[in-house]
Amino acid sequence: MIDLAGHVWADGDLQPLAADEPYQGLRRVMIDGRAATLARYDFGPGAKFPLHRHPQEQLTLVVAGSVSAIVDGHHVSLHAGQGFVARADESHGVEAGPDGAILVAVIAPARTAPPEVLAGS
């Protein structure tokens, strides 16, 4: 059996998954395809991804924990099994609850540039 932990099959080759920490307490792993980007976000307790926007649509699922989110000016509290859709250019941001959270997001079309972080976030 092949151990694929920490890797993704892409364009005929096994590629390592690289993680980064875009904001304090937030670990992110992204897989970029031709038509979409898949991202996993591991939030520590109270960690934030600030209010931002991008030209892609984003579908986000809370896998574990809880978050407070702002989507297009609407505040929502979400728990594991719940999620939100941010349409292209809609502002959105997330703050993890006291136990942290794990989120998975599909961003389509594929992300080609970092999001625009909005003032005051």
N, C-alpha and C. Protein backbone atom coordinates (compact mmCIF):
# COMPACT_ATOMS: atom_id res chain seq x y z
N MET A 1 0.85 -1.18 0.00
CA MET A 1 0.00 0.00 0.00
C MET A 1 0.89 1.24 0.00
N ILE A 2 0.51 2.25 -0.76
CA ILE A 2 1.25 3.50 -0.85
C ILE A 2 0.74 4.45 0.22
N ASP A 3 1.66 5.04 0.98
CA ASP A 3 1.30 6.03 1.99
C ASP A 3 1.26 7.40 1.33
N LEU A 4 0.07 7.98 1.19
CA LEU A 4 -0.07 9.28 0.56
C LEU A 4 -0.25 10.40 1.58
N ALA A 5 -0.05 10.12 2.86
CA ALA A 5 -0.22 11.15 3.89
C ALA A 5 0.69 12.33 3.59
N GLY A 6 0.10 13.52 3.59
CA GLY A 6 0.89 14.72 3.37
C GLY A 6 1.24 14.98 1.92
N HIS A 7 0.61 14.24 0.99
CA HIS A 7 0.89 14.40 -0.44
C HIS A 7 -0.41 14.45 -1.23
N VAL A 8 -0.31 14.95 -2.43
CA VAL A 8 -1.46 14.96 -3.35
C VAL A 8 -0.97 14.56 -4.73
N TRP A 9 -1.80 13.82 -5.44
CA TRP A 9 -1.47 13.43 -6.81
C TRP A 9 -1.89 14.58 -7.72
N ALA A 10 -0.93 15.15 -8.47
CA ALA A 10 -1.24 16.28 -9.34
C ALA A 10 -0.43 16.21 -10.61
N ASP A 11 -1.10 16.34 -11.75
CA ASP A 11 -0.43 16.37 -13.04
C ASP A 11 0.55 15.22 -13.24
N GLY A 12 0.16 14.02 -12.79
CA GLY A 12 0.97 12.84 -13.01
C GLY A 12 2.10 12.63 -12.03
N ASP A 13 2.23 13.49 -11.03
CA ASP A 13 3.30 13.37 -10.04
C ASP A 13 2.75 13.52 -8.63
N LEU A 14 3.37 12.83 -7.69
CA LEU A 14 3.02 12.97 -6.29
C LEU A 14 3.69 14.23 -5.76
N GLN A 15 2.89 15.20 -5.29
CA GLN A 15 3.40 16.48 -4.83
C GLN A 15 3.25 16.59 -3.31
N PRO A 16 4.25 17.12 -2.61
CA PRO A 16 4.08 17.33 -1.17
C PRO A 16 3.12 18.49 -0.92
N LEU A 17 2.35 18.38 0.14
CA LEU A 17 1.46 19.47 0.54
C LEU A 17 2.24 20.42 1.43
N ALA A 18 2.22 21.68 1.10
CA ALA A 18 2.92 22.69 1.90
C ALA A 18 1.91 23.42 2.78
N ALA A 19 2.24 23.60 4.03
CA ALA A 19 1.38 24.33 4.95
C ALA A 19 1.99 25.69 5.22
N ASP A 20 1.13 26.67 5.44
CA ASP A 20 1.62 27.98 5.85
C ASP A 20 0.75 28.48 7.00
N GLU A 21 1.16 29.60 7.59
CA GLU A 21 0.42 30.22 8.68
C GLU A 21 0.17 31.67 8.28
N PRO A 22 -0.93 31.91 7.52
CA PRO A 22 -1.17 33.26 7.01
C PRO A 22 -1.48 34.28 8.11
N TYR A 23 -2.04 33.81 9.23
CA TYR A 23 -2.35 34.66 10.37
C TYR A 23 -2.05 33.87 11.63
N GLN A 24 -1.78 34.57 12.72
CA GLN A 24 -1.42 33.92 13.97
C GLN A 24 -2.50 32.92 14.39
N GLY A 25 -2.05 31.70 14.68
CA GLY A 25 -2.96 30.66 15.14
C GLY A 25 -3.76 29.97 14.06
N LEU A 26 -3.43 30.26 12.79
CA LEU A 26 -4.18 29.69 11.67
C LEU A 26 -3.22 28.97 10.73
N ARG A 27 -3.38 27.65 10.62
CA ARG A 27 -2.57 26.85 9.71
C ARG A 27 -3.41 26.51 8.50
N ARG A 28 -2.81 26.64 7.30
CA ARG A 28 -3.55 26.42 6.05
C ARG A 28 -2.77 25.49 5.14
N VAL A 29 -3.48 24.55 4.51
CA VAL A 29 -2.93 23.69 3.47
C VAL A 29 -3.83 23.86 2.25
N MET A 30 -3.23 24.13 1.09
CA MET A 30 -4.01 24.35 -0.12
C MET A 30 -3.58 23.40 -1.23
N ILE A 31 -4.56 22.93 -1.99
CA ILE A 31 -4.31 22.14 -3.19
C ILE A 31 -4.90 22.92 -4.35
N ASP A 32 -4.05 23.29 -5.29
CA ASP A 32 -4.50 24.06 -6.45
C ASP A 32 -4.68 23.15 -7.65
N GLY A 33 -5.89 23.14 -8.18
CA GLY A 33 -6.17 22.43 -9.42
C GLY A 33 -6.30 23.43 -10.55
N ARG A 34 -6.63 22.95 -11.72
CA ARG A 34 -6.81 23.86 -12.86
C ARG A 34 -8.09 24.69 -12.72
N ALA A 35 -9.14 24.11 -12.13
CA ALA A 35 -10.43 24.78 -12.08
C ALA A 35 -10.85 25.23 -10.68
N ALA A 36 -10.16 24.75 -9.64
CA ALA A 36 -10.55 25.10 -8.28
C ALA A 36 -9.37 24.95 -7.33
N THR A 37 -9.50 25.58 -6.18
CA THR A 37 -8.53 25.44 -5.09
C THR A 37 -9.27 24.82 -3.91
N LEU A 38 -8.66 23.82 -3.28
CA LEU A 38 -9.20 23.21 -2.07
C LEU A 38 -8.29 23.62 -0.92
N ALA A 39 -8.89 24.12 0.16
CA ALA A 39 -8.09 24.57 1.30
C ALA A 39 -8.62 23.97 2.59
N ARG A 40 -7.68 23.62 3.47
CA ARG A 40 -8.03 23.19 4.83
C ARG A 40 -7.43 24.23 5.77
N TYR A 41 -8.25 24.71 6.69
CA TYR A 41 -7.82 25.71 7.66
C TYR A 41 -7.96 25.11 9.06
N ASP A 42 -6.87 25.13 9.83
CA ASP A 42 -6.88 24.69 11.22
C ASP A 42 -6.72 25.94 12.09
N PHE A 43 -7.81 26.33 12.75
CA PHE A 43 -7.82 27.52 13.60
C PHE A 43 -7.57 27.14 15.04
N GLY A 44 -6.64 27.82 15.69
CA GLY A 44 -6.50 27.70 17.14
C GLY A 44 -7.64 28.46 17.80
N PRO A 45 -7.83 28.30 19.10
CA PRO A 45 -8.89 29.01 19.80
C PRO A 45 -8.81 30.52 19.55
N GLY A 46 -9.91 31.11 19.08
CA GLY A 46 -9.98 32.54 18.85
C GLY A 46 -9.21 33.07 17.65
N ALA A 47 -8.56 32.19 16.89
CA ALA A 47 -7.79 32.64 15.72
C ALA A 47 -8.74 33.21 14.66
N LYS A 48 -8.21 34.14 13.86
CA LYS A 48 -9.05 34.84 12.88
C LYS A 48 -8.45 34.79 11.48
N PHE A 49 -9.33 34.71 10.49
CA PHE A 49 -9.00 35.03 9.11
C PHE A 49 -9.77 36.32 8.86
N PRO A 50 -9.06 37.45 8.69
CA PRO A 50 -9.75 38.74 8.65
C PRO A 50 -10.70 38.88 7.46
N LEU A 51 -11.58 39.87 7.58
CA LEU A 51 -12.53 40.18 6.53
C LEU A 51 -11.76 40.45 5.23
N HIS A 52 -12.18 39.76 4.17
CA HIS A 52 -11.47 39.87 2.89
C HIS A 52 -12.44 39.55 1.75
N ARG A 53 -11.95 39.71 0.54
CA ARG A 53 -12.75 39.32 -0.63
C ARG A 53 -11.79 38.92 -1.75
N HIS A 54 -12.35 38.18 -2.70
CA HIS A 54 -11.59 37.75 -3.87
C HIS A 54 -12.58 37.50 -5.00
N PRO A 55 -12.10 37.43 -6.23
CA PRO A 55 -13.00 37.30 -7.37
C PRO A 55 -13.59 35.90 -7.56
N GLN A 56 -13.23 34.96 -6.71
CA GLN A 56 -13.76 33.60 -6.81
C GLN A 56 -14.89 33.38 -5.81
N GLU A 57 -15.75 32.41 -6.12
CA GLU A 57 -16.75 31.96 -5.17
C GLU A 57 -16.07 31.02 -4.18
N GLN A 58 -16.51 31.04 -2.91
CA GLN A 58 -15.92 30.16 -1.90
C GLN A 58 -17.03 29.44 -1.14
N LEU A 59 -16.94 28.11 -1.12
CA LEU A 59 -17.86 27.27 -0.36
C LEU A 59 -17.08 26.74 0.83
N THR A 60 -17.56 26.99 2.04
CA THR A 60 -16.82 26.65 3.25
C THR A 60 -17.66 25.76 4.15
N LEU A 61 -17.04 24.69 4.66
CA LEU A 61 -17.68 23.75 5.57
C LEU A 61 -16.90 23.71 6.87
N VAL A 62 -17.60 23.83 7.99
CA VAL A 62 -16.98 23.65 9.31
C VAL A 62 -16.93 22.16 9.58
N VAL A 63 -15.74 21.61 9.70
CA VAL A 63 -15.55 20.17 9.91
C VAL A 63 -15.55 19.85 11.41
N ALA A 64 -14.95 20.73 12.20
CA ALA A 64 -14.88 20.52 13.65
C ALA A 64 -14.86 21.87 14.34
N GLY A 65 -15.39 21.91 15.56
CA GLY A 65 -15.37 23.15 16.33
C GLY A 65 -16.49 24.09 15.94
N SER A 66 -16.26 25.38 16.21
CA SER A 66 -17.27 26.39 15.90
C SER A 66 -16.58 27.68 15.48
N VAL A 67 -17.31 28.50 14.72
CA VAL A 67 -16.79 29.78 14.26
C VAL A 67 -17.89 30.82 14.27
N SER A 68 -17.47 32.07 14.33
CA SER A 68 -18.33 33.21 14.03
C SER A 68 -17.85 33.70 12.68
N ALA A 69 -18.78 33.88 11.75
CA ALA A 69 -18.40 34.32 10.42
C ALA A 69 -19.20 35.56 10.04
N ILE A 70 -18.60 36.36 9.18
CA ILE A 70 -19.29 37.48 8.55
C ILE A 70 -19.24 37.20 7.06
N VAL A 71 -20.42 37.17 6.44
CA VAL A 71 -20.51 36.93 5.00
C VAL A 71 -21.40 38.02 4.42
N ASP A 72 -20.82 38.87 3.58
CA ASP A 72 -21.55 39.95 2.94
C ASP A 72 -22.32 40.79 3.96
N GLY A 73 -21.67 41.05 5.11
CA GLY A 73 -22.27 41.89 6.15
C GLY A 73 -23.17 41.17 7.12
N HIS A 74 -23.44 39.88 6.91
CA HIS A 74 -24.30 39.10 7.80
C HIS A 74 -23.44 38.29 8.77
N HIS A 75 -23.76 38.38 10.06
CA HIS A 75 -23.04 37.64 11.10
C HIS A 75 -23.75 36.31 11.33
N VAL A 76 -22.97 35.22 11.33
CA VAL A 76 -23.54 33.90 11.57
C VAL A 76 -22.62 33.11 12.51
N SER A 77 -23.21 32.27 13.34
CA SER A 77 -22.47 31.33 14.18
C SER A 77 -22.65 29.95 13.58
N LEU A 78 -21.54 29.26 13.36
CA LEU A 78 -21.59 27.96 12.69
C LEU A 78 -20.85 26.91 13.51
N HIS A 79 -21.36 25.69 13.45
CA HIS A 79 -20.76 24.55 14.15
C HIS A 79 -20.46 23.46 13.13
N ALA A 80 -19.78 22.41 13.57
CA ALA A 80 -19.43 21.30 12.68
C ALA A 80 -20.65 20.83 11.90
N GLY A 81 -20.46 20.66 10.59
CA GLY A 81 -21.53 20.23 9.72
C GLY A 81 -22.26 21.38 9.05
N GLN A 82 -21.97 22.61 9.44
CA GLN A 82 -22.60 23.77 8.83
C GLN A 82 -21.57 24.52 7.98
N GLY A 83 -22.05 25.39 7.11
CA GLY A 83 -21.12 26.11 6.27
C GLY A 83 -21.75 27.35 5.66
N PHE A 84 -21.00 27.98 4.77
CA PHE A 84 -21.50 29.16 4.08
C PHE A 84 -20.92 29.24 2.67
N VAL A 85 -21.59 30.04 1.84
CA VAL A 85 -21.11 30.34 0.50
C VAL A 85 -20.87 31.84 0.43
N ALA A 86 -19.66 32.22 0.02
CA ALA A 86 -19.35 33.62 -0.26
C ALA A 86 -19.24 33.74 -1.77
N ARG A 87 -20.14 34.48 -2.36
CA ARG A 87 -20.12 34.69 -3.81
C ARG A 87 -18.90 35.51 -4.20
N ALA A 88 -18.59 35.54 -5.47
CA ALA A 88 -17.44 36.32 -5.97
C ALA A 88 -17.55 37.76 -5.48
N ASP A 89 -16.45 38.26 -4.94
CA ASP A 89 -16.30 39.63 -4.45
C ASP A 89 -17.12 39.96 -3.21
N GLU A 90 -17.80 38.99 -2.58
CA GLU A 90 -18.48 39.24 -1.31
C GLU A 90 -17.46 39.19 -0.18
N SER A 91 -17.54 40.15 0.72
CA SER A 91 -16.63 40.15 1.87
C SER A 91 -17.00 39.01 2.81
N HIS A 92 -15.99 38.42 3.41
CA HIS A 92 -16.20 37.35 4.38
C HIS A 92 -14.98 37.21 5.28
N GLY A 93 -15.20 36.77 6.50
CA GLY A 93 -14.14 36.56 7.47
C GLY A 93 -14.62 35.59 8.53
N VAL A 94 -13.67 35.01 9.27
CA VAL A 94 -14.01 33.96 10.23
C VAL A 94 -13.18 34.15 11.51
N GLU A 95 -13.82 33.89 12.65
CA GLU A 95 -13.12 33.83 13.94
C GLU A 95 -13.51 32.52 14.62
N ALA A 96 -12.51 31.75 15.04
CA ALA A 96 -12.77 30.46 15.68
C ALA A 96 -13.32 30.64 17.09
N GLY A 97 -14.10 29.66 17.50
CA GLY A 97 -14.63 29.63 18.86
C GLY A 97 -13.55 29.25 19.87
N PRO A 98 -13.94 29.06 21.13
CA PRO A 98 -12.98 28.82 22.21
C PRO A 98 -12.21 27.50 22.10
N ASP A 99 -12.71 26.56 21.32
CA ASP A 99 -12.02 25.28 21.15
C ASP A 99 -11.32 25.17 19.80
N GLY A 100 -11.28 26.28 19.03
CA GLY A 100 -10.69 26.24 17.70
C GLY A 100 -11.66 25.64 16.71
N ALA A 101 -11.18 25.45 15.48
CA ALA A 101 -12.05 24.91 14.43
C ALA A 101 -11.21 24.40 13.27
N ILE A 102 -11.79 23.48 12.52
CA ILE A 102 -11.22 23.02 11.25
C ILE A 102 -12.26 23.30 10.18
N LEU A 103 -11.82 24.00 9.12
CA LEU A 103 -12.69 24.32 8.00
C LEU A 103 -12.08 23.78 6.72
N VAL A 104 -12.93 23.42 5.78
CA VAL A 104 -12.51 23.04 4.44
C VAL A 104 -13.25 23.96 3.48
N ALA A 105 -12.52 24.51 2.51
CA ALA A 105 -13.14 25.43 1.55
C ALA A 105 -12.76 25.05 0.13
N VAL A 106 -13.72 25.19 -0.76
CA VAL A 106 -13.49 25.06 -2.20
C VAL A 106 -13.62 26.46 -2.78
N ILE A 107 -12.60 26.88 -3.52
CA ILE A 107 -12.56 28.21 -4.11
C ILE A 107 -12.49 28.02 -5.62
N ALA A 108 -13.51 28.56 -6.33
CA ALA A 108 -13.57 28.33 -7.77
C ALA A 108 -13.96 29.63 -8.49
N PRO A 109 -13.31 29.90 -9.62
CA PRO A 109 -12.21 29.14 -10.19
C PRO A 109 -10.98 29.19 -9.28
N ALA A 110 -9.94 28.45 -9.65
CA ALA A 110 -8.74 28.35 -8.82
C ALA A 110 -8.20 29.72 -8.46
N ARG A 111 -7.72 29.84 -7.25
CA ARG A 111 -7.14 31.11 -6.77
C ARG A 111 -5.80 31.35 -7.47
N THR A 112 -5.62 32.55 -7.98
CA THR A 112 -4.37 32.90 -8.66
C THR A 112 -3.63 34.03 -7.95
N ALA A 113 -4.27 34.65 -6.95
CA ALA A 113 -3.65 35.75 -6.21
C ALA A 113 -4.20 35.74 -4.80
N PRO A 114 -3.47 36.33 -3.85
CA PRO A 114 -3.98 36.39 -2.49
C PRO A 114 -5.26 37.24 -2.41
N PRO A 115 -6.10 36.99 -1.40
CA PRO A 115 -7.31 37.78 -1.26
C PRO A 115 -6.98 39.22 -0.86
N GLU A 116 -7.93 40.13 -1.08
CA GLU A 116 -7.80 41.52 -0.67
C GLU A 116 -8.34 41.63 0.76
N VAL A 117 -7.44 41.89 1.72
CA VAL A 117 -7.87 42.07 3.11
C VAL A 117 -8.46 43.47 3.23
N LEU A 118 -9.63 43.56 3.84
CA LEU A 118 -10.35 44.82 3.93
C LEU A 118 -9.93 45.61 5.17
N ALA A 119 -9.92 46.91 5.04
CA ALA A 119 -9.52 47.80 6.14
C ALA A 119 -10.38 47.56 7.36
N GLY A 120 -9.75 47.68 8.53
CA GLY A 120 -10.47 47.54 9.78
C GLY A 120 -10.68 46.12 10.23
N SER A 121 -10.07 45.14 9.54
CA SER A 121 -10.27 43.75 9.94
C SER A 121 -9.20 43.31 10.91
